[in-house]
Protein backbone atom coordinates (compact mmCIF):
# COMPACT_ATOMS: atom_id res chain seq x y z
CA UNK A 1 -0.14 0.04 -0.01
CA UNK A 2 2.84 2.24 0.85
CA UNK A 3 4.49 1.66 -2.70
CA UNK A 4 1.04 2.47 -4.32
CA UNK A 5 0.73 5.70 -2.54
CA UNK A 6 4.39 6.89 -3.09
CA UNK A 7 3.77 5.82 -6.94
CA UNK A 8 0.69 7.90 -7.04
CA UNK A 9 2.45 10.83 -5.33
CA UNK A 10 5.28 10.64 -7.88
CA UNK A 11 2.87 10.51 -10.88
CA UNK A 12 1.11 13.70 -9.33
CA UNK A 13 4.33 15.60 -8.72
CA UNK A 14 5.56 14.74 -12.24
CA UNK A 15 2.46 16.14 -13.65
CA UNK A 16 2.44 19.02 -11.48
CA UNK A 17 6.12 19.73 -12.47
CA UNK A 18 5.35 19.42 -16.16
CA UNK A 19 2.26 21.73 -15.96
CA UNK A 20 4.07 24.43 -14.05
CA UNK A 21 6.80 24.58 -16.86
CA UNK A 22 4.12 24.69 -19.58
CA UNK A 23 4.52 27.70 -21.77
CA UNK A 24 1.75 30.26 -21.43
CA UNK A 25 0.57 32.63 -23.92
CA UNK A 26 1.47 36.57 -23.56
CA UNK A 27 -1.71 38.52 -23.41
CA UNK A 28 -2.56 42.16 -23.54
CA UNK A 29 -5.76 43.77 -22.42
CA UNK A 30 -7.65 46.28 -24.59
CA UNK A 31 -11.05 47.99 -24.67
CA UNK A 32 -13.11 46.74 -27.52
CA UNK A 33 -13.78 48.32 -30.80
CA UNK A 34 -17.60 48.69 -29.57
CA UNK A 35 -16.77 50.15 -26.22
CA UNK A 36 -14.34 52.58 -27.89
CA UNK A 37 -16.96 53.58 -30.54
CA UNK A 38 -19.58 54.12 -28.00
CA UNK A 39 -17.43 56.66 -25.96
CA UNK A 40 -16.14 58.54 -28.70
CA UNK A 41 -12.47 57.18 -28.56
CA UNK A 42 -12.02 56.22 -32.42
CA UNK A 43 -9.46 57.95 -35.05
CA UNK A 44 -9.38 57.62 -38.78
CA UNK A 45 -6.33 56.96 -41.01
CA UNK A 46 -5.70 56.43 -44.45
CA UNK A 47 -5.66 52.75 -45.50
CA UNK A 48 -4.59 52.72 -49.26
CA UNK A 49 -6.87 55.59 -50.14
CA UNK A 50 -9.83 54.46 -47.96
CA UNK A 51 -10.42 55.84 -44.73
CA UNK A 52 -10.66 53.63 -41.84
CA UNK A 53 -11.71 54.15 -38.34
CA UNK A 54 -9.70 52.47 -35.38
CA UNK A 55 -9.74 52.69 -31.60
CA UNK A 56 -7.64 55.55 -30.24
CA UNK A 57 -6.25 53.77 -27.07
CA UNK A 58 -4.10 56.76 -26.17
CA UNK A 59 -6.99 58.90 -25.97
CA UNK A 60 -9.03 56.49 -24.06
CA UNK A 61 -6.42 55.82 -21.33
CA UNK A 62 -5.99 59.57 -21.01
CA UNK A 63 -9.45 60.50 -20.89
CA UNK A 64 -11.25 57.89 -19.16
CA UNK A 65 -10.10 56.81 -15.69
CA UNK A 66 -12.60 54.03 -15.42
CA UNK A 67 -10.57 51.98 -18.16
CA UNK A 68 -7.44 51.87 -16.30
CA UNK A 69 -9.31 50.74 -13.50
CA UNK A 70 -10.81 47.95 -15.60
CA UNK A 71 -7.42 46.96 -17.12
CA UNK A 72 -5.74 47.14 -13.60
CA UNK A 73 -8.19 44.62 -12.32
CA UNK A 74 -8.21 42.39 -15.19
CA UNK A 75 -4.39 42.38 -15.27
CA UNK A 76 -4.58 41.49 -11.51
CA UNK A 77 -6.95 38.51 -11.77
CA UNK A 78 -5.19 37.02 -14.84
CA UNK A 79 -1.64 37.29 -13.10
CA UNK A 80 -3.03 35.60 -10.03
CA UNK A 81 -3.70 32.69 -12.41
CA UNK A 82 -0.12 32.67 -13.75
CA UNK A 83 -0.75 34.30 -17.24
CA UNK A 84 2.08 36.82 -18.33
CA UNK A 85 0.66 40.08 -19.22
CA UNK A 86 1.66 43.19 -21.44
CA UNK A 87 0.70 46.65 -20.34
CA UNK A 88 -1.15 48.76 -22.82
CA UNK A 89 -0.05 51.94 -21.51
CA UNK A 90 3.58 51.05 -21.44
CA UNK A 91 3.41 49.42 -24.99
CA UNK A 92 1.90 52.69 -26.30
CA UNK A 93 5.02 54.60 -25.13
CA UNK A 94 7.13 52.29 -26.72
CA UNK A 95 5.17 52.66 -30.03
CA UNK A 96 5.52 56.41 -29.77
CA UNK A 97 9.39 56.15 -29.38
CA UNK A 98 9.57 54.32 -32.61
CA UNK A 99 7.17 56.44 -34.46
CA UNK A 100 9.66 59.08 -35.59
CA UNK A 101 12.01 56.30 -36.78
CA UNK A 102 9.04 54.88 -38.94
CA UNK A 103 8.00 58.32 -40.27
CA UNK A 104 11.59 58.55 -41.70
CA UNK A 105 11.24 55.04 -43.38
CA UNK A 106 10.72 54.91 -47.18
CA UNK A 107 11.08 52.11 -49.87
CA UNK A 108 13.61 52.65 -52.67
CA UNK A 109 10.54 53.88 -54.95
CA UNK A 110 10.08 56.85 -52.17
CA UNK A 111 6.89 54.91 -50.95
CA UNK A 112 5.91 55.19 -47.09
CA UNK A 113 5.22 52.25 -44.56
CA UNK A 114 1.40 51.49 -45.10
CA UNK A 115 0.12 49.99 -41.60
CA UNK A 116 -2.96 50.63 -39.47
CA UNK A 117 -2.24 52.14 -35.83
CA UNK A 118 -3.50 48.56 -34.54
CA UNK A 119 -0.84 46.83 -36.58
CA UNK A 120 1.76 48.84 -35.39
CA UNK A 121 0.57 48.16 -31.75
CA UNK A 122 0.36 44.69 -32.51
CA UNK A 123 3.99 44.33 -33.88
CA UNK A 124 5.52 46.32 -30.82
CA UNK A 125 3.46 44.20 -28.19
CA UNK A 126 4.28 41.12 -29.64
CA UNK A 127 1.41 39.29 -27.52
CA UNK A 128 -0.23 35.92 -28.59
CA UNK A 129 -3.61 36.96 -27.58
CA UNK A 130 -5.50 40.23 -27.42
CA UNK A 131 -8.32 40.64 -24.65
CA UNK A 132 -11.09 42.62 -25.70
CA UNK A 133 -13.15 44.12 -23.06
CA UNK A 134 -16.44 45.60 -23.02
CA UNK A 135 -18.56 46.55 -19.93
CA UNK A 136 -21.63 48.74 -18.79
CA UNK A 137 -22.66 49.70 -15.32
CA UNK A 138 -26.27 49.07 -14.58
CA UNK A 139 -27.99 51.04 -11.81
CA UNK A 140 -31.45 50.04 -10.16
CA UNK A 141 -32.12 52.29 -7.34
CA UNK A 142 -29.15 52.22 -4.81
CA UNK A 143 -27.86 49.24 -6.49
CA UNK A 144 -25.16 48.74 -9.05
CA UNK A 145 -24.08 45.84 -11.10
CA UNK A 146 -21.75 45.40 -14.32
CA UNK A 147 -22.43 43.45 -17.46
CA UNK A 148 -19.38 42.71 -19.24
CA UNK A 149 -18.17 40.80 -22.46
CA UNK A 150 -14.52 39.30 -22.54
CA UNK A 151 -13.14 38.23 -25.91
CA UNK A 152 -9.72 36.33 -26.35
CA UNK A 153 -8.47 37.12 -30.06
CA UNK A 154 -5.69 35.51 -31.44
CA UNK A 155 -3.41 38.42 -32.55
CA UNK A 156 -1.96 36.93 -35.84
CA UNK A 157 -5.55 35.79 -37.37
CA UNK A 158 -7.78 38.12 -35.27
CA UNK A 159 -10.16 34.65 -34.72
CA UNK A 160 -11.91 34.41 -31.45
CA UNK A 161 -10.53 31.70 -29.46
CA UNK A 162 -12.25 32.28 -26.08
CA UNK A 163 -15.12 34.11 -24.52
CA UNK A 164 -17.08 35.04 -21.49
CA UNK A 165 -19.83 37.36 -20.51
CA UNK A 166 -22.36 37.90 -17.76
CA UNK A 167 -23.75 40.21 -15.27
CA UNK A 168 -22.79 40.35 -11.65
CA UNK A 169 -25.13 40.43 -8.62
CA UNK A 170 -26.42 43.88 -7.92
CA UNK A 171 -24.28 45.44 -5.10
CA UNK A 172 -24.52 48.68 -3.00
CA UNK A 173 -20.89 49.32 -3.46
CA UNK A 174 -20.07 51.94 -6.03
CA UNK A 175 -16.53 50.98 -6.86
CA UNK A 176 -16.07 49.77 -10.34
CA UNK A 177 -13.11 47.16 -9.63
CA UNK A 178 -15.32 45.53 -6.90
CA UNK A 179 -18.18 45.13 -9.40
CA UNK A 180 -16.02 44.04 -12.11
CA UNK A 181 -14.28 41.38 -9.98
CA UNK A 182 -17.77 40.16 -8.49
CA UNK A 183 -19.01 39.71 -12.22
CA UNK A 184 -15.93 38.42 -13.95
CA UNK A 185 -14.72 36.15 -11.44
CA UNK A 186 -16.94 33.08 -11.58
CA UNK A 187 -16.25 32.96 -15.50
CA UNK A 188 -12.35 33.55 -15.40
CA UNK A 189 -11.15 30.15 -14.82
CA UNK A 190 -13.15 28.61 -17.81
CA UNK A 191 -12.13 31.49 -20.07
CA UNK A 192 -8.49 30.81 -18.98
CA UNK A 193 -8.92 27.25 -19.96
CA UNK A 194 -10.19 28.24 -23.27
CA UNK A 195 -7.02 30.50 -23.76
CA UNK A 196 -4.49 27.83 -22.64
CA UNK A 197 -6.18 25.21 -24.85
CA UNK A 198 -5.77 27.30 -27.90
CA UNK A 199 -2.13 27.94 -26.97
CA UNK A 200 -1.37 24.17 -26.40
CA UNK A 201 -2.87 23.71 -29.84
CA UNK A 202 -0.52 26.27 -31.20
CA UNK A 203 2.51 24.77 -29.50
CA UNK A 204 1.65 21.42 -30.58
CA UNK A 205 0.34 22.27 -34.27
CA UNK A 206 1.79 25.55 -35.04
CA UNK A 207 0.67 29.12 -35.10
CA UNK A 208 -1.41 29.88 -38.27
CA UNK A 209 -0.58 32.28 -40.66
CA UNK A 210 -1.27 33.55 -44.30
CA UNK A 211 1.28 33.50 -46.96
CA UNK A 212 0.99 35.40 -50.50
CA UNK A 213 3.24 34.80 -53.30
CA UNK A 214 3.18 37.25 -56.18
CA UNK A 215 5.71 38.40 -58.94
CA UNK A 216 6.87 41.92 -60.56
CA UNK A 217 5.61 42.40 -64.02
CA UNK A 218 9.29 43.36 -64.86
CA UNK A 219 10.44 39.94 -64.04
CA UNK A 220 11.14 37.67 -67.07
CA UNK A 221 9.74 34.39 -65.56
CA UNK A 222 6.85 33.26 -63.57
CA UNK A 223 5.62 30.67 -61.08
CA UNK A 224 4.91 28.22 -63.74
CA UNK A 225 8.40 28.24 -65.24
CA UNK A 226 10.61 24.99 -64.87
CA UNK A 227 13.89 26.50 -65.49
CA UNK A 228 14.83 26.65 -61.72
CA UNK A 229 15.03 23.02 -60.95
CA UNK A 230 13.29 19.56 -61.64
CA UNK A 231 9.69 21.22 -61.45
CA UNK A 232 7.63 24.43 -61.62
CA UNK A 233 8.82 27.25 -59.55
CA UNK A 234 5.36 27.22 -57.57
CA UNK A 235 5.82 23.70 -56.85
CA UNK A 236 9.32 24.13 -55.61
CA UNK A 237 7.89 26.80 -53.48
CA UNK A 238 5.05 24.43 -51.99
CA UNK A 239 7.78 21.81 -51.42
CA UNK A 240 9.51 24.30 -49.16
CA UNK A 241 6.38 25.18 -47.39
CA UNK A 242 5.62 21.79 -46.63
CA UNK A 243 9.20 20.97 -45.18
CA UNK A 244 9.08 24.10 -43.05
CA UNK A 245 5.54 24.01 -41.67
CA UNK A 246 4.48 21.93 -38.55
CA UNK A 247 3.10 18.50 -39.71
CA UNK A 248 3.33 19.65 -43.36
CA UNK A 249 -0.19 21.72 -42.52
CA UNK A 250 -1.05 24.50 -45.04
CA UNK A 251 -3.56 24.98 -47.85
CA UNK A 252 -2.91 26.07 -51.34
CA UNK A 253 -6.04 28.26 -51.88
CA UNK A 254 -4.96 29.91 -55.27
CA UNK A 255 -2.14 28.97 -57.60
CA UNK A 256 -1.74 30.72 -60.84
CA UNK A 257 1.40 31.77 -63.00
CA UNK A 258 1.65 35.13 -61.17
CA UNK A 259 0.50 34.54 -57.63
CA UNK A 260 -0.26 31.85 -54.93
CA UNK A 261 -2.03 32.15 -51.85
CA UNK A 262 -1.57 30.03 -48.97
CA UNK A 263 -3.76 29.98 -45.96
CA UNK A 264 -3.89 27.87 -42.55
CA UNK A 265 -0.15 27.77 -42.77
CA UNK A 266 0.90 26.59 -39.44
CA UNK A 267 4.45 27.58 -38.52
CA UNK A 268 6.55 26.75 -35.32
CA UNK A 269 6.15 29.17 -32.43
CA UNK A 270 9.98 28.91 -31.58
CA UNK A 271 13.12 28.30 -33.27
CA UNK A 272 16.71 27.16 -31.85
CA UNK A 273 19.28 30.14 -32.20
CA UNK A 274 22.79 29.86 -30.53
CA UNK A 275 21.48 27.45 -28.13
CA UNK A 276 18.42 29.43 -27.13
CA UNK A 277 14.65 29.30 -28.03
CA UNK A 278 13.30 32.21 -29.68
CA UNK A 279 10.06 32.99 -30.83
CA UNK A 280 9.29 32.75 -34.61
CA UNK A 281 6.78 35.01 -36.35
CA UNK A 282 5.45 35.25 -39.75
CA UNK A 283 7.94 37.72 -41.18
CA UNK A 284 11.04 35.50 -39.74
CA UNK A 285 9.56 32.43 -41.05
CA UNK A 286 8.68 34.03 -44.69
CA UNK A 287 12.17 35.56 -44.60
CA UNK A 288 13.55 31.73 -44.54
CA UNK A 289 11.63 31.30 -47.84
CA UNK A 290 12.93 34.36 -49.37
CA UNK A 291 16.54 33.25 -48.35
CA UNK A 292 15.98 30.05 -49.82
CA UNK A 293 14.98 31.44 -53.40
CA UNK A 294 18.06 33.37 -53.20
CA UNK A 295 20.48 31.04 -52.06
CA UNK A 296 19.28 28.05 -54.20
CA UNK A 297 18.02 29.77 -57.42
CA UNK A 298 19.44 33.30 -57.43
CA UNK A 299 15.91 34.69 -57.41
CA UNK A 300 15.44 38.02 -55.55
CA UNK A 301 12.27 38.94 -53.60
CA UNK A 302 10.70 41.56 -51.49
CA UNK A 303 9.07 40.52 -48.15
CA UNK A 304 6.25 42.86 -47.07
CA UNK A 305 3.78 42.31 -44.07
CA UNK A 306 0.15 43.01 -43.49
CA UNK A 307 -0.24 42.86 -39.65
CA UNK A 308 1.35 40.05 -37.77
CA UNK A 309 -0.17 37.20 -39.53
CA UNK A 310 -0.10 37.89 -43.33
CA UNK A 311 3.33 37.94 -45.14
CA UNK A 312 3.59 38.77 -48.74
CA UNK A 313 6.65 37.83 -50.88
CA UNK A 314 6.82 39.61 -54.40
CA UNK A 315 9.42 37.55 -56.51
CA UNK A 316 11.63 38.98 -59.28
CA UNK A 317 13.37 41.91 -57.73
CA UNK A 318 13.49 44.10 -54.56
């Protein structure tokens, strides 16, 4: 009996150690688009000639004291459960320090960077998951309660991977953090399980990105040419993608002589460099294909990004 008890204890200890060492997603908490729009915290930017509205987080933090309280409370509750957090206010300050440098950056043809403010923030934050928070305070006589909606979004695909919503019990307290904690607490553990399950899936099966291959019209070849190897160039590119994705997981959505679109491309979360494990993003992974084309076939290409999760490689020059 003693051996059995010791054996069970050893298994439990091993499981606890593995769970304790498991990597957790990095998270950033932001007010939802709906909340920002309802409270007048939106700004406009030129998106390739089209005016687009996006949340103005800086203005919201400066002018709405409740937002800081909400973010602080959610940060506290998540930290208590062992999830690493990114601070929105600190990340915005880092973004401002990079703004002057980006403003001076142009292409060889004189073009400027075309990124949305949200894409820039995601690039600086380097979070795996964004938590979008919406809340409203309900008042019935002397009692108050909070109705909330918490959405976990994959930062690379913008797909919702976790969700929680509800209304707390009416209370005589008027303190927002207390009302929020009472409303959220009963939902948070299940919400965190959803987040961790998604991250575990990424760890096992890779992070999902999109890769678009295009060609310059000044290039003398196309993706159907077979002068660079034992098959058409497009097939050779597919072979490289298959060899460099997790479990060969990707979908070729479109394939023509001039462009290819790969979706549901699963890339590793990490790679080894100088004996250290480093995070791998869509840009770093796609740069591997760029180097492969240049080193193997002497084909130049220009790598461009759209947000965190979509890489575009234009073949035939820089």
